[in-house]
Amino acid sequence: MSDYKKPLPVIDEHNRPYWEGLKAHKVVLPRCKTCDHVRFQPSRYCPDCGSQESEWTELAGSGRVWARCAFHQVYFEGFRDEIPYNVVVVELDGGPRVYSNLVGVEDPWSVPIGASVEAVFDDVTEDVTLLKFRPTG
Protein backbone atom coordinates (compact mmCIF):
# COMPACT_ATOMS: atom_id res chain seq x y z
CA MET A 1 0.00 0.00 0.00
CA SER A 2 1.25 3.48 -0.87
CA ASP A 3 1.94 6.11 1.76
CA TYR A 4 0.72 8.84 -0.59
CA LYS A 5 -1.65 11.03 1.48
CA LYS A 6 -3.22 13.30 -1.13
CA PRO A 7 -6.47 12.58 -3.00
CA LEU A 8 -6.15 10.23 -5.96
CA PRO A 9 -8.31 10.18 -9.11
CA VAL A 10 -11.11 7.75 -9.70
CA ILE A 11 -10.11 5.90 -12.85
CA ASP A 12 -12.97 4.51 -14.93
CA GLU A 13 -13.66 3.38 -18.49
CA HIS A 14 -14.16 6.97 -19.67
CA ASN A 15 -10.86 8.43 -18.45
CA ARG A 16 -8.65 5.32 -18.37
CA PRO A 17 -6.71 6.19 -21.59
CA TYR A 18 -5.71 9.55 -20.04
CA TRP A 19 -4.36 7.95 -16.86
CA GLU A 20 -2.68 5.10 -18.77
CA GLY A 21 -1.03 7.72 -20.98
CA LEU A 22 0.33 9.58 -17.96
CA LYS A 23 1.60 6.32 -16.49
CA ALA A 24 3.52 5.84 -19.77
CA HIS A 25 4.74 9.47 -19.44
CA LYS A 26 2.61 10.71 -22.33
CA VAL A 27 -0.15 13.32 -22.50
CA VAL A 28 -3.10 11.60 -24.23
CA LEU A 29 -6.44 13.37 -24.72
CA PRO A 30 -9.60 12.82 -26.78
CA ARG A 31 -9.71 14.50 -30.21
CA CYS A 32 -12.93 14.88 -32.17
CA LYS A 33 -12.77 13.00 -35.48
CA THR A 34 -15.19 15.50 -37.05
CA CYS A 35 -13.73 18.91 -36.12
CA ASP A 36 -10.32 18.02 -34.53
CA HIS A 37 -11.19 19.73 -31.23
CA VAL A 38 -9.04 18.34 -28.40
CA ARG A 39 -10.72 18.30 -25.00
CA PHE A 40 -9.43 17.69 -21.49
CA GLN A 41 -12.39 15.94 -19.94
CA PRO A 42 -13.45 12.82 -21.80
CA SER A 43 -17.07 13.14 -22.82
CA ARG A 44 -19.43 11.37 -25.18
CA TYR A 45 -20.05 14.48 -27.30
CA CYS A 46 -17.60 17.02 -28.68
CA PRO A 47 -18.29 20.37 -26.97
CA ASP A 48 -17.57 22.21 -30.25
CA CYS A 49 -19.58 20.29 -32.86
CA GLY A 50 -21.59 17.68 -30.94
CA SER A 51 -20.05 14.71 -32.74
CA GLN A 52 -19.81 11.38 -30.93
CA GLU A 53 -16.77 10.33 -32.96
CA SER A 54 -13.47 10.79 -31.13
CA GLU A 55 -10.09 9.14 -30.71
CA TRP A 56 -7.34 9.43 -28.13
CA THR A 57 -4.32 11.33 -29.39
CA GLU A 58 -0.91 12.11 -27.93
CA LEU A 59 0.06 15.75 -27.43
CA ALA A 60 3.59 17.10 -27.05
CA GLY A 61 3.05 18.03 -23.40
CA SER A 62 4.24 21.59 -23.85
CA GLY A 63 2.30 24.77 -23.32
CA ARG A 64 2.13 28.12 -21.59
CA VAL A 65 1.08 29.25 -18.13
CA TRP A 66 -2.41 30.72 -18.62
CA ALA A 67 -3.18 31.47 -14.94
CA ARG A 68 -1.75 30.77 -11.50
CA CYS A 69 -2.69 31.07 -7.86
CA ALA A 70 -1.66 30.04 -4.38
CA PHE A 71 -3.79 27.84 -2.16
CA HIS A 72 -3.50 28.87 1.49
CA GLN A 73 -6.40 26.81 2.83
CA VAL A 74 -5.96 23.16 3.85
CA TYR A 75 -8.72 21.42 1.92
CA PHE A 76 -7.06 18.00 2.25
CA GLU A 77 -4.71 16.95 5.07
CA GLY A 78 -2.12 15.65 2.59
CA PHE A 79 -1.40 19.24 1.52
CA ARG A 80 -0.92 20.68 5.04
CA ASP A 81 2.90 20.71 4.91
CA GLU A 82 2.93 22.42 1.50
CA ILE A 83 0.74 25.45 2.31
CA PRO A 84 0.83 27.71 0.41
CA TYR A 85 1.08 25.57 -2.71
CA ASN A 86 0.85 26.67 -6.32
CA VAL A 87 -1.84 25.77 -8.80
CA VAL A 88 -1.49 26.69 -12.45
CA VAL A 89 -3.69 26.51 -15.50
CA VAL A 90 -1.60 25.49 -18.50
CA GLU A 91 -2.84 25.98 -22.03
CA LEU A 92 -1.41 23.00 -23.86
CA ASP A 93 0.05 23.49 -27.34
CA GLY A 94 -2.57 22.08 -29.68
CA GLY A 95 -4.98 21.37 -26.88
CA PRO A 96 -7.09 22.58 -24.00
CA ARG A 97 -6.27 24.13 -20.64
CA VAL A 98 -5.43 21.83 -17.72
CA TYR A 99 -4.99 22.41 -13.99
CA SER A 100 -1.69 21.38 -12.45
CA ASN A 101 1.28 22.50 -10.39
CA LEU A 102 4.65 24.04 -11.26
CA VAL A 103 7.67 22.01 -10.18
CA GLY A 104 11.42 22.36 -10.55
CA VAL A 105 11.62 26.02 -9.58
CA GLU A 106 12.71 27.56 -6.31
CA ASP A 107 10.05 30.27 -6.50
CA PRO A 108 7.00 29.27 -8.60
CA TRP A 109 5.64 32.82 -8.22
CA SER A 110 8.56 34.11 -10.30
CA VAL A 111 7.21 32.23 -13.36
CA PRO A 112 5.15 34.77 -15.32
CA ILE A 113 1.83 34.25 -17.06
CA GLY A 114 2.65 33.20 -20.62
CA ALA A 115 5.86 31.36 -19.65
CA SER A 116 6.63 28.22 -21.65
CA VAL A 117 6.37 24.97 -19.72
CA GLU A 118 6.81 21.27 -20.37
CA ALA A 119 5.19 18.19 -18.90
CA VAL A 120 6.71 16.41 -15.92
CA PHE A 121 5.28 13.07 -14.86
CA ASP A 122 4.98 12.47 -11.11
CA ASP A 123 4.62 8.74 -10.38
CA VAL A 124 2.84 9.09 -7.02
CA THR A 125 1.75 5.44 -6.70
CA GLU A 126 2.19 2.25 -8.72
CA ASP A 127 -1.10 2.97 -10.49
CA VAL A 128 -1.28 6.77 -10.66
CA THR A 129 0.96 9.30 -12.37
CA LEU A 130 0.10 12.99 -12.11
CA LEU A 131 0.77 15.62 -14.77
CA LYS A 132 2.88 18.53 -13.53
CA PHE A 133 4.82 21.21 -15.40
CA ARG A 134 8.21 22.92 -15.24
CA PRO A 135 9.41 26.09 -16.98
CA THR A 136 11.47 25.56 -20.14
CA GLY A 137 13.47 28.77 -20.09
C-alpha atoms as a PDB file:
ATOM      1  CA  MET A   1       0.000   0.000   0.000  1.00  0.00           C
ATOM      2  CA  SER A   2       1.253   3.481  -0.872  1.00  0.00           C
ATOM      3  CA  ASP A   3       1.943   6.111   1.759  1.00  0.00           C
ATOM      4  CA  TYR A   4       0.718   8.839  -0.594  1.00  0.00           C
ATOM      5  CA  LYS A   5      -1.649  11.026   1.481  1.00  0.00           C
ATOM      6  CA  LYS A   6      -3.222  13.301  -1.131  1.00  0.00           C
ATOM      7  CA  PRO A   7      -6.467  12.578  -3.001  1.00  0.00           C
ATOM      8  CA  LEU A   8      -6.149  10.233  -5.956  1.00  0.00           C
ATOM      9  CA  PRO A   9      -8.305  10.182  -9.107  1.00  0.00           C
ATOM     10  CA  VAL A  10     -11.113   7.745  -9.700  1.00  0.00           C
ATOM     11  CA  ILE A  11     -10.114   5.899 -12.847  1.00  0.00           C
ATOM     12  CA  ASP A  12     -12.970   4.510 -14.932  1.00  0.00           C
ATOM     13  CA  GLU A  13     -13.660   3.376 -18.492  1.00  0.00           C
ATOM     14  CA  HIS A  14     -14.164   6.967 -19.672  1.00  0.00           C
ATOM     15  CA  ASN A  15     -10.858   8.430 -18.455  1.00  0.00           C
ATOM     16  CA  ARG A  16      -8.648   5.317 -18.367  1.00  0.00           C
ATOM     17  CA  PRO A  17      -6.711   6.193 -21.590  1.00  0.00           C
ATOM     18  CA  TYR A  18      -5.714   9.554 -20.044  1.00  0.00           C
ATOM     19  CA  TRP A  19      -4.358   7.947 -16.862  1.00  0.00           C
ATOM     20  CA  GLU A  20      -2.681   5.103 -18.769  1.00  0.00           C
ATOM     21  CA  GLY A  21      -1.030   7.718 -20.979  1.00  0.00           C
ATOM     22  CA  LEU A  22       0.327   9.579 -17.961  1.00  0.00           C
ATOM     23  CA  LYS A  23       1.600   6.319 -16.490  1.00  0.00           C
ATOM     24  CA  ALA A  24       3.524   5.838 -19.769  1.00  0.00           C
ATOM     25  CA  HIS A  25       4.743   9.467 -19.437  1.00  0.00           C
ATOM     26  CA  LYS A  26       2.614  10.706 -22.331  1.00  0.00           C
ATOM     27  CA  VAL A  27      -0.154  13.319 -22.502  1.00  0.00           C
ATOM     28  CA  VAL A  28      -3.098  11.603 -24.228  1.00  0.00           C
ATOM     29  CA  LEU A  29      -6.440  13.375 -24.718  1.00  0.00           C
ATOM     30  CA  PRO A  30      -9.597  12.820 -26.779  1.00  0.00           C
ATOM     31  CA  ARG A  31      -9.714  14.500 -30.207  1.00  0.00           C
ATOM     32  CA  CYS A  32     -12.934  14.878 -32.170  1.00  0.00           C
ATOM     33  CA  LYS A  33     -12.772  13.003 -35.483  1.00  0.00           C
ATOM     34  CA  THR A  34     -15.185  15.501 -37.050  1.00  0.00           C
ATOM     35  CA  CYS A  35     -13.727  18.910 -36.116  1.00  0.00           C
ATOM     36  CA  ASP A  36     -10.316  18.016 -34.533  1.00  0.00           C
ATOM     37  CA  HIS A  37     -11.193  19.732 -31.231  1.00  0.00           C
ATOM     38  CA  VAL A  38      -9.043  18.340 -28.397  1.00  0.00           C
ATOM     39  CA  ARG A  39     -10.715  18.305 -24.997  1.00  0.00           C
ATOM     40  CA  PHE A  40      -9.430  17.695 -21.494  1.00  0.00           C
ATOM     41  CA  GLN A  41     -12.388  15.938 -19.944  1.00  0.00           C
ATOM     42  CA  PRO A  42     -13.449  12.825 -21.796  1.00  0.00           C
ATOM     43  CA  SER A  43     -17.071  13.138 -22.819  1.00  0.00           C
ATOM     44  CA  ARG A  44     -19.426  11.370 -25.184  1.00  0.00           C
ATOM     45  CA  TYR A  45     -20.051  14.479 -27.299  1.00  0.00           C
ATOM     46  CA  CYS A  46     -17.601  17.015 -28.680  1.00  0.00           C
ATOM     47  CA  PRO A  47     -18.291  20.370 -26.975  1.00  0.00           C
ATOM     48  CA  ASP A  48     -17.566  22.206 -30.254  1.00  0.00           C
ATOM     49  CA  CYS A  49     -19.581  20.288 -32.859  1.00  0.00           C
ATOM     50  CA  GLY A  50     -21.590  17.679 -30.942  1.00  0.00           C
ATOM     51  CA  SER A  51     -20.055  14.709 -32.737  1.00  0.00           C
ATOM     52  CA  GLN A  52     -19.809  11.383 -30.926  1.00  0.00           C
ATOM     53  CA  GLU A  53     -16.767  10.334 -32.960  1.00  0.00           C
ATOM     54  CA  SER A  54     -13.468  10.794 -31.129  1.00  0.00           C
ATOM     55  CA  GLU A  55     -10.094   9.145 -30.708  1.00  0.00           C
ATOM     56  CA  TRP A  56      -7.335   9.432 -28.131  1.00  0.00           C
ATOM     57  CA  THR A  57      -4.319  11.325 -29.386  1.00  0.00           C
ATOM     58  CA  GLU A  58      -0.908  12.108 -27.928  1.00  0.00           C
ATOM     59  CA  LEU A  59       0.060  15.748 -27.426  1.00  0.00           C
ATOM     60  CA  ALA A  60       3.589  17.097 -27.049  1.00  0.00           C
ATOM     61  CA  GLY A  61       3.052  18.031 -23.398  1.00  0.00           C
ATOM     62  CA  SER A  62       4.245  21.591 -23.855  1.00  0.00           C
ATOM     63  CA  GLY A  63       2.299  24.772 -23.321  1.00  0.00           C
ATOM     64  CA  ARG A  64       2.126  28.124 -21.588  1.00  0.00           C
ATOM     65  CA  VAL A  65       1.076  29.255 -18.133  1.00  0.00           C
ATOM     66  CA  TRP A  66      -2.405  30.716 -18.616  1.00  0.00           C
ATOM     67  CA  ALA A  67      -3.178  31.475 -14.942  1.00  0.00           C
ATOM     68  CA  ARG A  68      -1.749  30.766 -11.504  1.00  0.00           C
ATOM     69  CA  CYS A  69      -2.689  31.070  -7.858  1.00  0.00           C
ATOM     70  CA  ALA A  70      -1.660  30.045  -4.376  1.00  0.00           C
ATOM     71  CA  PHE A  71      -3.792  27.842  -2.163  1.00  0.00           C
ATOM     72  CA  HIS A  72      -3.503  28.874   1.492  1.00  0.00           C
ATOM     73  CA  GLN A  73      -6.401  26.809   2.831  1.00  0.00           C
ATOM     74  CA  VAL A  74      -5.961  23.162   3.848  1.00  0.00           C
ATOM     75  CA  TYR A  75      -8.724  21.425   1.923  1.00  0.00           C
ATOM     76  CA  PHE A  76      -7.063  17.997   2.250  1.00  0.00           C
ATOM     77  CA  GLU A  77      -4.710  16.951   5.066  1.00  0.00           C
ATOM     78  CA  GLY A  78      -2.120  15.654   2.591  1.00  0.00           C
ATOM     79  CA  PHE A  79      -1.401  19.242   1.522  1.00  0.00           C
ATOM     80  CA  ARG A  80      -0.920  20.678   5.037  1.00  0.00           C
ATOM     81  CA  ASP A  81       2.900  20.707   4.915  1.00  0.00           C
ATOM     82  CA  GLU A  82       2.934  22.422   1.502  1.00  0.00           C
ATOM     83  CA  ILE A  83       0.741  25.447   2.310  1.00  0.00           C
ATOM     84  CA  PRO A  84       0.832  27.705   0.415  1.00  0.00           C
ATOM     85  CA  TYR A  85       1.081  25.574  -2.711  1.00  0.00           C
ATOM     86  CA  ASN A  86       0.852  26.669  -6.321  1.00  0.00           C
ATOM     87  CA  VAL A  87      -1.844  25.770  -8.795  1.00  0.00           C
ATOM     88  CA  VAL A  88      -1.493  26.692 -12.455  1.00  0.00           C
ATOM     89  CA  VAL A  89      -3.686  26.512 -15.502  1.00  0.00           C
ATOM     90  CA  VAL A  90      -1.602  25.489 -18.501  1.00  0.00           C
ATOM     91  CA  GLU A  91      -2.841  25.978 -22.026  1.00  0.00           C
ATOM     92  CA  LEU A  92      -1.414  22.998 -23.865  1.00  0.00           C
ATOM     93  CA  ASP A  93       0.050  23.493 -27.338  1.00  0.00           C
ATOM     94  CA  GLY A  94      -2.569  22.081 -29.685  1.00  0.00           C
ATOM     95  CA  GLY A  95      -4.976  21.368 -26.881  1.00  0.00           C
ATOM     96  CA  PRO A  96      -7.094  22.580 -23.997  1.00  0.00           C
ATOM     97  CA  ARG A  97      -6.267  24.127 -20.637  1.00  0.00           C
ATOM     98  CA  VAL A  98      -5.427  21.828 -17.719  1.00  0.00           C
ATOM     99  CA  TYR A  99      -4.994  22.413 -13.986  1.00  0.00           C
ATOM    100  CA  SER A 100      -1.693  21.377 -12.453  1.00  0.00           C
ATOM    101  CA  ASN A 101       1.284  22.502 -10.386  1.00  0.00           C
ATOM    102  CA  LEU A 102       4.650  24.038 -11.261  1.00  0.00           C
ATOM    103  CA  VAL A 103       7.670  22.012 -10.177  1.00  0.00           C
ATOM    104  CA  GLY A 104      11.420  22.362 -10.549  1.00  0.00           C
ATOM    105  CA  VAL A 105      11.619  26.018  -9.580  1.00  0.00           C
ATOM    106  CA  GLU A 106      12.713  27.559  -6.305  1.00  0.00           C
ATOM    107  CA  ASP A 107      10.051  30.267  -6.502  1.00  0.00           C
ATOM    108  CA  PRO A 108       6.999  29.275  -8.596  1.00  0.00           C
ATOM    109  CA  TRP A 109       5.637  32.823  -8.223  1.00  0.00           C
ATOM    110  CA  SER A 110       8.556  34.105 -10.303  1.00  0.00           C
ATOM    111  CA  VAL A 111       7.214  32.233 -13.360  1.00  0.00           C
ATOM    112  CA  PRO A 112       5.149  34.767 -15.319  1.00  0.00           C
ATOM    113  CA  ILE A 113       1.835  34.253 -17.058  1.00  0.00           C
ATOM    114  CA  GLY A 114       2.655  33.197 -20.617  1.00  0.00           C
ATOM    115  CA  ALA A 115       5.855  31.362 -19.653  1.00  0.00           C
ATOM    116  CA  SER A 116       6.631  28.219 -21.652  1.00  0.00           C
ATOM    117  CA  VAL A 117       6.367  24.972 -19.718  1.00  0.00           C
ATOM    118  CA  GLU A 118       6.812  21.268 -20.372  1.00  0.00           C
ATOM    119  CA  ALA A 119       5.188  18.191 -18.905  1.00  0.00           C
ATOM    120  CA  VAL A 120       6.709  16.407 -15.922  1.00  0.00           C
ATOM    121  CA  PHE A 121       5.281  13.074 -14.855  1.00  0.00           C
ATOM    122  CA  ASP A 122       4.984  12.472 -11.113  1.00  0.00           C
ATOM    123  CA  ASP A 123       4.621   8.741 -10.375  1.00  0.00           C
ATOM    124  CA  VAL A 124       2.836   9.087  -7.024  1.00  0.00           C
ATOM    125  CA  THR A 125       1.745   5.435  -6.702  1.00  0.00           C
ATOM    126  CA  GLU A 126       2.194   2.253  -8.719  1.00  0.00           C
ATOM    127  CA  ASP A 127      -1.103   2.971 -10.488  1.00  0.00           C
ATOM    128  CA  VAL A 128      -1.277   6.770 -10.658  1.00  0.00           C
ATOM    129  CA  THR A 129       0.957   9.299 -12.373  1.00  0.00           C
ATOM    130  CA  LEU A 130       0.102  12.992 -12.108  1.00  0.00           C
ATOM    131  CA  LEU A 131       0.768  15.615 -14.772  1.00  0.00           C
ATOM    132  CA  LYS A 132       2.878  18.530 -13.528  1.00  0.00           C
ATOM    133  CA  PHE A 133       4.820  21.213 -15.397  1.00  0.00           C
ATOM    134  CA  ARG A 134       8.214  22.925 -15.239  1.00  0.00           C
ATOM    135  CA  PRO A 135       9.414  26.089 -16.976  1.00  0.00           C
ATOM    136  CA  THR A 136      11.469  25.559 -20.145  1.00  0.00           C
ATOM    137  CA  GLY A 137      13.465  28.767 -20.092  1.00  0.00           C
END
